[in-house]
Protein backbone atom coordinates (compact mmCIF):
# COMPACT_ATOMS: atom_id res chain seq x y z
CA MET A 1 -23.55 33.71 5.53
CA THR A 2 -25.37 30.75 4.09
CA SER A 3 -27.62 31.18 1.09
CA ASP A 4 -31.29 30.72 1.93
CA SER A 5 -31.94 28.30 -0.94
CA VAL A 6 -32.17 24.62 0.01
CA HIS A 7 -31.90 21.52 -2.16
CA THR A 8 -33.94 18.49 -1.41
CA ASN A 9 -31.73 15.66 -0.81
CA PRO A 10 -6.24 41.36 7.20
CA ALA A 11 -5.42 45.05 7.67
CA SER A 12 -2.68 45.05 5.02
CA LYS A 13 -3.40 45.78 1.37
CA LEU A 14 -5.73 43.11 0.09
CA GLU A 15 -4.36 40.77 -2.53
CA VAL A 16 -6.83 39.45 -5.09
CA THR A 17 -6.21 36.07 -6.69
CA ALA A 18 -7.57 35.05 -10.05
CA ILE A 19 -9.17 31.60 -10.31
CA GLU A 20 -8.16 30.00 -13.59
CA SER A 21 -10.71 27.79 -15.33
CA GLY A 22 -9.48 24.16 -15.92
CA PRO A 23 -9.80 20.39 -15.26
CA ALA A 24 -4.52 19.15 23.46
CA ARG A 25 -4.43 21.20 25.88
CA THR A 26 -4.29 19.66 29.44
CA GLY A 27 -5.47 21.05 32.77
CA SER A 28 -8.68 22.98 33.37
CA SER A 29 -11.24 22.60 30.58
CA LYS A 30 -12.71 26.00 31.34
CA LEU A 31 -10.88 29.24 30.66
CA ARG A 32 -12.06 31.95 33.03
CA THR A 33 -12.95 35.35 31.57
CA ASP A 34 -10.04 37.09 33.32
CA ASP A 35 -7.63 34.43 32.04
CA PHE A 36 -8.88 34.95 28.49
CA ALA A 37 -8.46 38.70 28.89
CA ARG A 38 -4.84 38.26 30.02
CA LEU A 39 -4.13 35.96 27.08
CA THR A 40 -5.26 38.59 24.61
CA LEU A 41 -4.04 41.73 26.42
CA THR A 42 -0.57 41.72 24.89
CA LYS A 43 -2.00 41.15 21.44
CA LYS A 44 -4.45 44.04 21.86
CA ILE A 45 -1.67 46.38 23.00
CA LEU A 46 0.36 45.48 19.92
CA ILE A 47 -2.69 46.05 17.73
CA ALA A 48 -3.31 49.44 19.31
CA LEU A 49 0.30 50.51 18.77
CA SER A 50 0.47 49.26 15.20
CA PHE A 51 -2.77 51.03 14.32
CA LEU A 52 -2.02 54.33 16.06
CA SER A 53 -0.76 55.99 12.90
CA PHE A 54 -3.51 54.32 10.85
CA VAL A 55 -6.29 55.63 13.06
CA SER A 56 -4.80 59.12 13.20
CA ALA A 57 -4.63 59.30 9.40
CA VAL A 58 -7.98 57.72 8.49
CA SER A 59 -11.45 58.95 9.37
CA PHE A 60 -13.94 56.25 10.32
CA GLY A 61 -16.83 58.31 8.98
CA LEU A 62 -18.95 56.85 6.20
CA GLU A 63 -17.07 56.85 2.90
CA ARG A 64 -19.51 58.08 0.29
CA GLN A 65 -19.05 58.09 -3.48
CA SER A 66 -19.29 61.36 -5.37
CA ASN A 67 -22.69 62.92 -6.01
CA SER A 68 -22.23 62.37 -9.74
CA VAL A 69 -22.20 58.59 -9.24
CA TYR A 70 -25.60 58.57 -7.54
CA HIS A 71 -26.97 60.98 -10.15
CA SER A 72 -25.85 58.69 -12.98
CA ARG A 73 -27.62 55.77 -11.30
CA ARG A 74 -30.87 57.75 -11.11
CA VAL A 75 -30.59 58.66 -14.79
CA ALA A 76 -29.88 55.03 -15.70
CA LEU A 77 -32.93 53.91 -13.74
CA SER A 78 -35.14 56.52 -15.42
CA GLN A 79 -34.10 55.16 -18.81
CA GLU A 80 -35.41 51.72 -17.84
CA THR A 81 -38.89 52.90 -16.83
CA LYS A 82 -40.07 53.66 -20.40
CA GLY A 83 -41.48 57.01 -19.34
CA GLY A 84 -42.69 55.94 -15.92
CA ALA A 85 -41.87 57.96 -12.83
CA VAL A 86 -40.01 56.60 -9.80
CA LEU A 87 -41.24 57.35 -6.28
CA LEU A 88 -39.37 55.92 -3.29
CA PHE A 89 -39.43 56.59 0.44
CA ALA A 90 -36.70 56.10 3.02
CA PRO A 91 -37.78 54.40 6.24
CA THR A 92 -38.43 56.43 9.35
CA GLU A 93 -36.27 56.27 12.45
CA GLU A 94 -37.84 53.79 14.84
CA GLY A 95 -36.92 54.02 18.52
CA GLU A 96 -33.36 53.26 19.58
CA ALA A 97 -32.08 50.72 17.08
CA LEU A 98 -29.19 48.50 18.19
CA TYR A 99 -26.75 49.98 15.69
CA GLY A 100 -28.62 53.21 14.98
CA PHE A 101 -30.56 54.04 11.84
CA ARG A 102 -29.45 52.29 8.65
CA GLN A 103 -30.71 53.60 5.35
CA ASP A 104 -32.69 51.35 3.01
CA SER A 105 -30.18 49.89 0.56
CA ASN A 106 -32.07 50.79 -2.62
CA PHE A 107 -32.64 54.35 -1.43
CA TYR A 108 -28.96 54.70 -0.53
CA TYR A 109 -27.85 53.21 -3.87
CA LEU A 110 -29.77 55.90 -5.76
CA THR A 111 -29.16 58.88 -3.48
CA GLY A 112 -26.19 58.30 -1.17
CA TRP A 113 -28.45 59.78 1.51
CA THR A 114 -28.22 58.25 4.99
CA GLU A 115 -30.85 60.17 6.97
CA PRO A 116 -34.40 58.86 7.61
CA ALA A 117 -37.83 59.82 6.28
CA ALA A 118 -36.75 61.30 2.94
CA ALA A 119 -38.45 60.71 -0.42
CA LEU A 120 -37.19 60.53 -4.00
CA LEU A 121 -39.11 61.45 -7.15
CA ILE A 122 -37.70 60.87 -10.64
CA VAL A 123 -39.67 61.92 -13.72
CA PRO A 124 -37.90 60.92 -16.96
CA ALA A 125 -37.31 63.25 -19.86
CA GLY A 126 -40.11 63.04 -22.41
CA THR A 127 -42.92 62.62 -19.90
CA LYS A 128 -46.19 64.24 -21.07
CA LEU A 129 -48.56 65.71 -18.53
CA SER A 130 -51.52 65.35 -20.87
CA PRO A 131 -52.18 64.19 -24.45
CA ASP A 132 -51.81 67.79 -25.68
CA SER A 133 -48.72 68.76 -23.66
CA LYS A 134 -45.13 68.81 -24.88
CA PRO A 135 -42.69 66.26 -23.49
CA GLY A 136 -41.03 67.56 -20.33
CA ASP A 137 -37.44 67.65 -19.15
CA TYR A 138 -35.83 65.16 -16.79
CA ASN A 139 -36.73 66.01 -13.20
CA GLU A 140 -35.45 64.64 -9.93
CA ILE A 141 -36.32 65.93 -6.47
CA LEU A 142 -35.13 64.88 -3.04
CA PHE A 143 -37.71 65.60 -0.36
CA LEU A 144 -36.46 66.07 3.19
CA PRO A 145 -38.68 65.99 6.27
CA GLY A 146 -39.26 69.05 8.39
CA HIS A 147 -37.35 69.44 11.61
CA ASN A 148 -38.47 67.66 14.75
CA GLN A 149 -36.69 69.65 17.41
CA ILE A 150 -37.40 67.18 20.20
CA ARG A 151 -36.14 64.14 18.26
CA GLU A 152 -33.09 66.03 17.04
CA LYS A 153 -32.03 66.55 20.68
CA TYR A 154 -31.68 62.77 20.82
CA THR A 155 -30.40 61.95 17.33
CA GLY A 156 -28.58 65.14 16.35
CA PRO A 157 -29.44 67.90 13.86
CA LYS A 158 -30.72 66.94 10.41
CA LEU A 159 -30.29 68.71 7.09
CA GLY A 160 -33.43 70.52 5.97
CA ALA A 161 -34.56 71.69 2.56
CA GLU A 162 -34.27 75.28 3.72
CA ASN A 163 -30.50 74.95 4.13
CA PRO A 164 -28.73 76.92 1.34
CA ASP A 165 -26.21 74.08 0.95
CA ALA A 166 -28.85 71.35 0.62
CA ALA A 167 -28.46 70.97 -3.17
CA LYS A 168 -24.65 70.92 -3.03
CA THR A 169 -24.60 68.47 -0.12
CA THR A 170 -27.09 66.01 -1.60
CA GLY A 171 -26.21 66.32 -5.29
CA PHE A 172 -29.80 67.12 -6.30
CA ASP A 173 -30.66 70.24 -8.27
CA HIS A 174 -34.00 70.33 -6.48
CA VAL A 175 -34.41 69.72 -2.76
CA GLU A 176 -37.85 70.33 -1.29
CA THR A 177 -39.53 69.87 2.05
CA LEU A 178 -41.56 66.69 2.32
CA ASP A 179 -44.70 68.79 2.73
CA GLU A 180 -44.41 69.75 -0.96
CA LEU A 181 -44.50 66.17 -2.24
CA ARG A 182 -48.20 66.06 -2.97
CA ASN A 183 -48.09 69.31 -4.99
CA GLU A 184 -45.06 68.19 -6.99
CA LEU A 185 -46.70 64.88 -7.86
CA VAL A 186 -49.78 66.66 -9.18
CA HIS A 187 -47.57 69.03 -11.16
CA LEU A 188 -45.10 66.53 -12.66
CA LEU A 189 -47.00 63.28 -13.18
CA PRO A 190 -49.15 62.64 -16.24
CA ALA A 191 -52.82 63.23 -15.56
CA GLY A 192 -53.77 60.11 -17.50
CA VAL A 193 -56.80 61.79 -19.08
CA LEU A 194 -58.78 59.52 -21.43
CA PRO A 195 -58.10 58.36 -24.08
CA ALA A 196 -54.42 58.50 -23.07
CA PRO A 197 -53.20 55.45 -21.12
CA PRO A 198 -52.62 55.87 -17.39
CA GLY A 199 -49.15 56.90 -16.29
CA THR A 200 -46.87 54.45 -14.50
CA VAL A 201 -45.26 55.02 -11.12
CA TYR A 202 -42.49 52.63 -10.14
CA THR A 203 -42.14 52.14 -6.39
CA ASP A 204 -41.23 49.53 -3.79
CA LEU A 205 -44.24 47.24 -3.70
CA GLY A 206 -42.39 44.60 -1.68
CA GLU A 207 -43.02 40.88 -1.93
CA LEU A 208 -46.44 39.28 -1.56
CA GLY A 209 -48.07 42.49 -0.42
CA ALA A 210 -45.39 43.38 2.11
CA ASN A 211 -45.84 46.66 3.95
CA THR A 212 -42.84 48.79 2.88
CA PRO A 213 -42.00 52.45 3.65
CA SER A 214 -43.20 53.28 0.13
CA THR A 215 -46.51 51.41 0.28
CA ARG A 216 -47.35 53.02 3.63
CA ALA A 217 -46.73 56.48 2.18
CA LEU A 218 -48.71 55.69 -0.99
CA ASP A 219 -51.81 55.01 1.08
CA TRP A 220 -51.76 58.57 2.37
CA LEU A 221 -50.97 60.05 -1.06
CA ARG A 222 -53.94 58.27 -2.60
CA ARG A 223 -56.21 59.78 0.06
CA ALA A 224 -54.65 63.19 -0.64
CA ASN A 225 -55.50 62.83 -4.36
CA ALA A 226 -51.87 63.15 -5.38
CA PHE A 227 -52.33 60.94 -8.45
CA GLY A 228 -54.46 61.04 -11.56
CA ARG A 229 -54.97 57.80 -13.50
CA VAL A 230 -51.85 55.81 -12.64
CA ARG A 231 -50.80 52.23 -12.30
CA PHE A 232 -48.09 51.15 -9.87
CA GLN A 233 -45.25 48.84 -10.84
CA ASP A 234 -42.57 47.27 -8.66
CA VAL A 235 -39.28 49.11 -9.09
CA ASN A 236 -37.18 46.38 -7.47
CA PRO A 237 -36.44 44.33 -10.62
CA LEU A 238 -35.10 47.45 -12.35
CA ILE A 239 -32.88 48.41 -9.40
CA ILE A 240 -31.66 44.83 -8.97
CA SER A 241 -30.39 44.79 -12.56
CA LEU A 242 -28.31 47.88 -11.75
CA ARG A 243 -27.08 46.78 -8.33
CA MET A 244 -25.88 43.39 -9.55
CA VAL A 245 -22.97 45.01 -11.42
CA LYS A 246 -20.58 46.82 -9.05
CA ASP A 247 -18.69 49.95 -10.13
CA ASP A 248 -15.10 50.80 -9.14
CA GLY A 249 -16.18 52.86 -6.13
CA GLU A 250 -18.32 50.03 -4.80
CA MET A 251 -15.48 47.57 -5.25
CA ALA A 252 -13.14 49.81 -3.25
CA LEU A 253 -15.57 49.76 -0.32
CA ILE A 254 -16.19 46.01 -0.58
CA ARG A 255 -12.44 45.41 -0.53
CA LYS A 256 -12.16 47.45 2.68
CA ALA A 257 -14.95 45.42 4.27
CA VAL A 258 -13.13 42.23 3.22
CA SER A 259 -9.78 43.45 4.52
CA ALA A 260 -11.16 44.39 7.95
CA SER A 261 -13.10 41.12 8.19
CA THR A 262 -10.04 39.10 7.14
CA ALA A 263 -8.10 40.66 10.01
CA ALA A 264 -10.92 39.65 12.37
CA HIS A 265 -10.73 36.02 11.25
CA LEU A 266 -6.95 35.95 11.67
CA ALA A 267 -7.30 37.37 15.19
CA ALA A 268 -9.82 34.63 16.00
CA ALA A 269 -7.42 31.98 14.71
CA HIS A 270 -4.70 33.34 17.00
CA ALA A 271 -7.02 33.51 20.03
CA MET A 272 -8.83 30.19 19.59
CA LYS A 273 -8.32 27.79 22.53
CA PRO A 274 -10.36 25.16 24.32
CA GLY A 275 -12.10 26.78 27.28
CA ALA A 276 -12.95 30.03 25.56
CA ASN A 277 -16.60 30.88 25.11
CA GLU A 278 -18.08 31.31 21.64
CA ARG A 279 -19.07 34.84 22.65
CA ASN A 280 -15.42 35.66 23.48
CA ILE A 281 -14.51 34.89 19.87
CA ALA A 282 -17.48 36.75 18.41
CA ALA A 283 -16.70 39.83 20.52
CA LEU A 284 -13.02 39.77 19.58
CA MET A 285 -13.87 39.56 15.88
CA GLN A 286 -16.33 42.45 16.09
CA TYR A 287 -13.71 44.53 17.90
CA GLU A 288 -11.17 43.79 15.16
CA PHE A 289 -13.28 44.74 12.16
CA GLU A 290 -14.83 47.79 13.80
CA ASN A 291 -11.34 48.92 14.85
CA ARG A 292 -10.56 48.98 11.13
CA GLY A 293 -13.48 51.21 10.15
CA CYS A 294 -16.51 48.94 9.85
CA GLU A 295 -19.56 50.58 11.38
CA ARG A 296 -21.43 47.39 12.27
CA PRO A 297 -21.54 43.64 11.63
CA ALA A 298 -22.83 42.80 8.16
CA TYR A 299 -25.11 40.20 9.80
CA ALA A 300 -25.52 38.53 13.19
CA PRO A 301 -22.18 36.84 14.00
CA ILE A 302 -22.21 33.04 13.96
CA VAL A 303 -19.63 31.23 16.13
CA GLY A 304 -20.73 27.63 16.51
CA SER A 305 -18.59 25.01 18.21
CA GLY A 306 -19.02 21.24 18.45
CA PRO A 307 -22.73 20.41 17.96
CA ASN A 308 -23.46 24.06 17.21
CA SER A 309 -21.22 23.85 14.14
CA THR A 310 -24.01 21.88 12.45
CA VAL A 311 -26.62 24.66 12.98
CA LEU A 312 -26.56 26.86 9.89
CA HIS A 313 -27.51 30.21 11.42
CA TYR A 314 -26.67 29.46 15.04
CA GLY A 315 -26.80 32.74 16.95
CA ALA A 316 -26.63 32.11 20.71
CA ASN A 317 -22.80 32.13 20.75
CA SER A 318 -22.91 30.95 24.37
CA ARG A 319 -21.19 27.54 24.55
CA GLN A 320 -17.80 26.85 26.10
CA ILE A 321 -15.44 25.57 23.40
CA GLU A 322 -14.09 22.11 24.17
CA ASP A 323 -10.94 20.33 23.12
CA GLY A 324 -11.63 18.39 19.93
CA ASP A 325 -14.35 20.76 18.70
CA LEU A 326 -14.60 22.27 15.27
CA ILE A 327 -15.74 25.90 15.29
CA VAL A 328 -17.63 27.43 12.35
CA MET A 329 -17.14 31.22 12.33
CA ASP A 330 -19.41 33.01 9.87
CA VAL A 331 -18.56 36.59 10.81
CA ALA A 332 -17.86 39.78 8.83
CA GLY A 333 -18.28 43.53 8.98
CA GLU A 334 -19.97 46.25 6.97
CA PHE A 335 -17.79 49.11 5.72
CA SER A 336 -19.58 52.28 4.62
CA MET A 337 -22.79 50.35 3.96
CA TYR A 338 -21.06 47.56 1.97
CA ALA A 339 -20.92 44.04 3.39
CA ALA A 340 -18.34 41.31 3.56
CA ASP A 341 -19.33 37.67 4.10
CA ILE A 342 -16.65 35.20 5.20
CA THR A 343 -16.70 31.81 6.95
CA ARG A 344 -13.83 29.72 8.26
CA THR A 345 -13.84 26.49 10.27
CA LEU A 346 -11.14 26.03 12.92
CA PRO A 347 -10.09 23.11 15.15
CA ALA A 348 -10.15 24.22 18.79
CA SER A 349 -6.90 22.43 19.55
CA GLY A 350 -5.09 23.89 16.56
CA HIS A 351 -5.00 20.58 14.67
CA PHE A 352 -7.70 18.72 12.73
CA SER A 353 -8.40 15.12 13.69
CA PRO A 354 -8.18 12.66 10.78
CA ARG A 355 -12.00 12.61 10.40
CA GLN A 356 -12.28 16.39 10.68
CA ARG A 357 -9.53 16.78 8.08
CA GLU A 358 -11.32 14.34 5.77
CA ILE A 359 -14.59 16.29 5.84
CA TYR A 360 -12.79 19.64 5.69
CA ASP A 361 -10.89 18.61 2.57
CA VAL A 362 -14.12 17.47 0.88
CA VAL A 363 -15.72 20.88 1.51
CA LEU A 364 -12.64 22.73 0.27
CA GLY A 365 -12.47 20.45 -2.77
CA ALA A 366 -16.11 21.20 -3.59
CA GLN A 367 -15.40 24.93 -3.48
CA GLN A 368 -12.33 24.53 -5.69
CA ALA A 369 -14.31 22.42 -8.16
CA ALA A 370 -16.88 25.21 -8.45
CA GLU A 371 -14.09 27.75 -8.96
CA LYS A 372 -12.61 25.71 -11.81
CA ALA A 373 -16.01 25.12 -13.43
CA PHE A 374 -16.86 28.83 -13.56
CA GLN A 375 -17.46 30.34 -17.02
CA ASN A 376 -18.38 33.99 -17.37
CA GLY A 377 -21.83 34.55 -18.85
CA LYS A 378 -22.63 30.84 -18.70
CA SER A 379 -22.35 29.51 -15.14
CA MET A 380 -25.46 29.53 -12.96
CA MET A 381 -25.36 29.80 -9.17
CA THR A 382 -28.37 27.59 -8.46
CA GLY A 383 -30.25 24.58 -9.84
CA MET A 384 -29.06 21.23 -11.15
CA GLY A 385 -28.57 22.13 -14.80
CA PRO A 386 -25.36 21.36 -16.70
CA ASP A 387 -23.93 24.86 -16.02
CA SER A 388 -24.85 24.95 -12.33
CA LEU A 389 -21.97 25.58 -9.92
CA PHE A 390 -24.18 24.19 -7.14
CA ARG A 391 -24.41 20.92 -9.04
CA THR A 392 -20.62 20.83 -9.45
CA ALA A 393 -20.08 21.20 -5.70
CA TYR A 394 -22.84 18.74 -4.81
CA GLU A 395 -21.54 16.06 -7.15
CA TYR A 396 -18.00 16.53 -5.85
CA MET A 397 -19.22 15.84 -2.31
CA ASN A 398 -21.06 12.73 -3.42
CA GLY A 399 -17.92 11.46 -5.11
CA HIS A 400 -15.57 12.04 -2.18
CA GLY A 401 -16.04 10.54 1.26
CA LYS A 402 -18.89 8.83 3.14
CA ASP A 403 -20.80 9.23 6.37
CA GLN A 404 -20.57 6.65 9.18
CA HIS A 405 -23.16 4.53 7.41
CA GLY A 406 -21.33 4.45 4.10
CA GLN A 407 -23.68 6.95 2.45
CA PRO A 408 -22.55 9.84 0.18
CA LEU A 409 -21.97 13.24 1.75
CA GLY A 410 -24.12 15.33 -0.61
CA GLN A 411 -27.17 14.87 1.64
CA TYR A 412 -25.39 16.95 4.30
CA PHE A 413 -25.03 19.96 2.00
CA VAL A 414 -28.33 21.58 2.92
CA HIS A 415 -28.11 25.18 1.67
CA GLY A 416 -27.28 27.05 -1.49
CA LEU A 417 -23.74 27.36 -2.82
CA GLY A 418 -23.60 31.15 -2.71
CA HIS A 419 -25.23 34.51 -3.27
CA GLY A 420 -24.58 38.08 -4.32
CA VAL A 421 -22.94 40.51 -1.89
CA GLY A 422 -22.97 44.31 -1.88
CA LEU A 423 -25.03 46.83 0.07
CA ASP A 424 -26.76 43.79 1.57
CA VAL A 425 -25.02 40.63 2.67
CA HIS A 426 -27.57 38.78 0.53
CA ASP A 427 -27.56 41.38 -2.21
CA PRO A 428 -30.58 41.27 -4.55
CA THR A 429 -29.62 39.05 -7.46
CA ASP A 430 -31.49 37.53 -10.38
CA TYR A 431 -30.38 33.90 -10.12
CA SER A 432 -32.27 32.98 -13.28
CA GLN A 433 -29.49 34.76 -15.19
CA PRO A 434 -25.89 33.55 -15.66
CA LEU A 435 -23.13 35.06 -13.56
CA LYS A 436 -21.41 37.90 -15.39
CA SER A 437 -18.68 40.53 -15.17
CA GLY A 438 -19.06 43.05 -12.37
CA MET A 439 -20.86 40.74 -9.96
CA VAL A 440 -19.61 39.97 -6.45
CA ILE A 441 -20.58 36.56 -5.11
CA THR A 442 -19.77 33.99 -2.44
CA LEU A 443 -18.99 30.31 -2.86
CA GLU A 444 -19.73 28.60 0.46
CA PRO A 445 -20.12 24.82 0.39
CA GLY A 446 -20.73 23.13 3.73
CA ILE A 447 -21.22 19.68 5.22
CA TYR A 448 -23.14 19.35 8.51
CA ILE A 449 -23.37 15.93 10.22
CA PRO A 450 -25.28 16.28 13.53
CA GLU A 451 -24.68 12.61 14.40
CA GLU A 452 -20.93 13.34 14.52
CA LYS A 453 -21.26 16.87 15.97
CA LEU A 454 -19.22 17.89 12.97
CA GLY A 455 -19.92 20.88 10.75
CA VAL A 456 -17.63 22.51 8.18
CA ARG A 457 -18.32 25.58 6.06
CA ILE A 458 -15.78 27.49 3.98
CA GLU A 459 -17.02 30.76 2.50
CA ASP A 460 -15.04 33.09 0.27
CA MET A 461 -15.93 36.18 -1.74
CA TYR A 462 -15.27 36.58 -5.47
CA TRP A 463 -15.47 39.36 -8.04
CA ILE A 464 -15.96 38.68 -11.74
CA ASP A 465 -13.61 41.18 -13.37
CA PRO A 466 -14.18 42.98 -16.71
CA ASN A 467 -12.26 40.20 -18.47
CA GLY A 468 -14.61 37.57 -17.08
CA ARG A 469 -12.09 36.12 -14.63
CA LEU A 470 -13.17 34.92 -11.19
CA MET A 471 -11.09 36.92 -8.70
CA LYS A 472 -10.86 35.69 -5.09
CA LEU A 473 -11.26 38.74 -2.87
CA THR A 474 -10.53 36.77 0.31
CA ALA A 475 -7.25 35.27 -0.92
CA ASP A 476 -5.33 36.68 2.07
CA LEU A 477 -7.22 34.42 4.49
CA PRO A 478 -5.90 30.83 4.68
CA SER A 479 -8.34 28.12 3.66
CA ALA A 480 -6.32 24.92 3.10
CA ALA A 481 -6.24 22.76 6.26
CA GLU A 482 -2.46 22.94 6.69
CA GLN A 483 -2.55 26.73 6.21
CA VAL A 484 -5.27 27.05 8.85
CA GLU A 485 -3.20 25.01 11.32
CA GLN A 486 -0.14 27.13 10.56
CA ALA A 487 -2.09 30.35 11.15
CA MET A 488 -3.25 29.02 14.53
CA LYS A 489 0.34 28.45 15.68
CA GLY A 490 0.63 32.19 16.26
CA ARG A 491 -1.70 31.95 19.27
């Protein structure tokens, strides 16, 4: 999925490739829905048979890391607050969401808890309640809401603090009902009595005064006199610094999201034909990655053909695909809360025209130039500085190929080169810092020429391993033009 920044001008075991640094169908133009269904029926039967043993052996429930992992993250965060407490709230369940309730990513990262309306309080070791008190021990409490019997008839039973297994299930030594939050705050937070400085509470303050689940709850807590003299700080920069570096458990889940999404792209390549509707392809891809354990799309699927291939976040997915079109497919799934983000561009007929191949090769060359330019701890994702990977891709485009008016192609690269990926498809990332080991990113150059109804984007995912090497997580999915055409021959 394209980065928001703008410049002015398969199902088998996933293979990971290291990037080394260095220098026409005739007849009816419209394929009826029942014809499309017949074309794919045999393939779907084969898929169902081949995955019968897989499905019987693997649960599609959320794969959660061990409680100790989430606990270690909370401790690590507490050590960054310099004695300040952390207070976070999970969002409430609102109506009947399209894909059901999804936990806030920061809250899930710290707790592994997927149910709504909970709260988290962390009070670091060494916190003093008053100038005369002794430093206290490390405290962490998960607050769970009371039962709403009517809502639970619709959404299913929820774990309550009264359950004797609540601590074991959640991994918290202390689990309390949400009604106790105000009393615990008064008990555990520094009173801030003069002349001592006020205590600090880190919470989700959002951006530019945004109304977040935490800020809404803080309004009530202030009225309930839950705080002494305190000042509130935004916790997001501290959590971002932790989330940017993925641990082994996170990488295992990201790889599963990539594998399922790779299979979806290969299925689309096999099914692609003039006459199909964009929505046929989007639906097939969602079926494929959810059939492999993804619980939802990682973002709204983008399948744009012909003129729609030049619209960055095209979402209607309603046009009939015509012979001679290019189709940009920016589609991927989310596996156990972790996203994949993959884009491929296919020729509807199975073969690129000379002009399509020219532009496609420029985009692929820009991506490969950025791969080769990467240096761990030095390369920047954004900007036009000497270490910018964006600049490398942009300059490659300007040096290779022209538009119909003889002008360089860089002007048609109208979004950022890439972004972090993790619990969010655009995972929070500090782009003012160099890329470093443990990060997962995309590289997704694109050229979009509305005048020619020609858009190309190629997006792959990469992991920077502990040795500082750029590892291509999406290496199983063909990207070179001749490889794409070969993959489409299996239709």
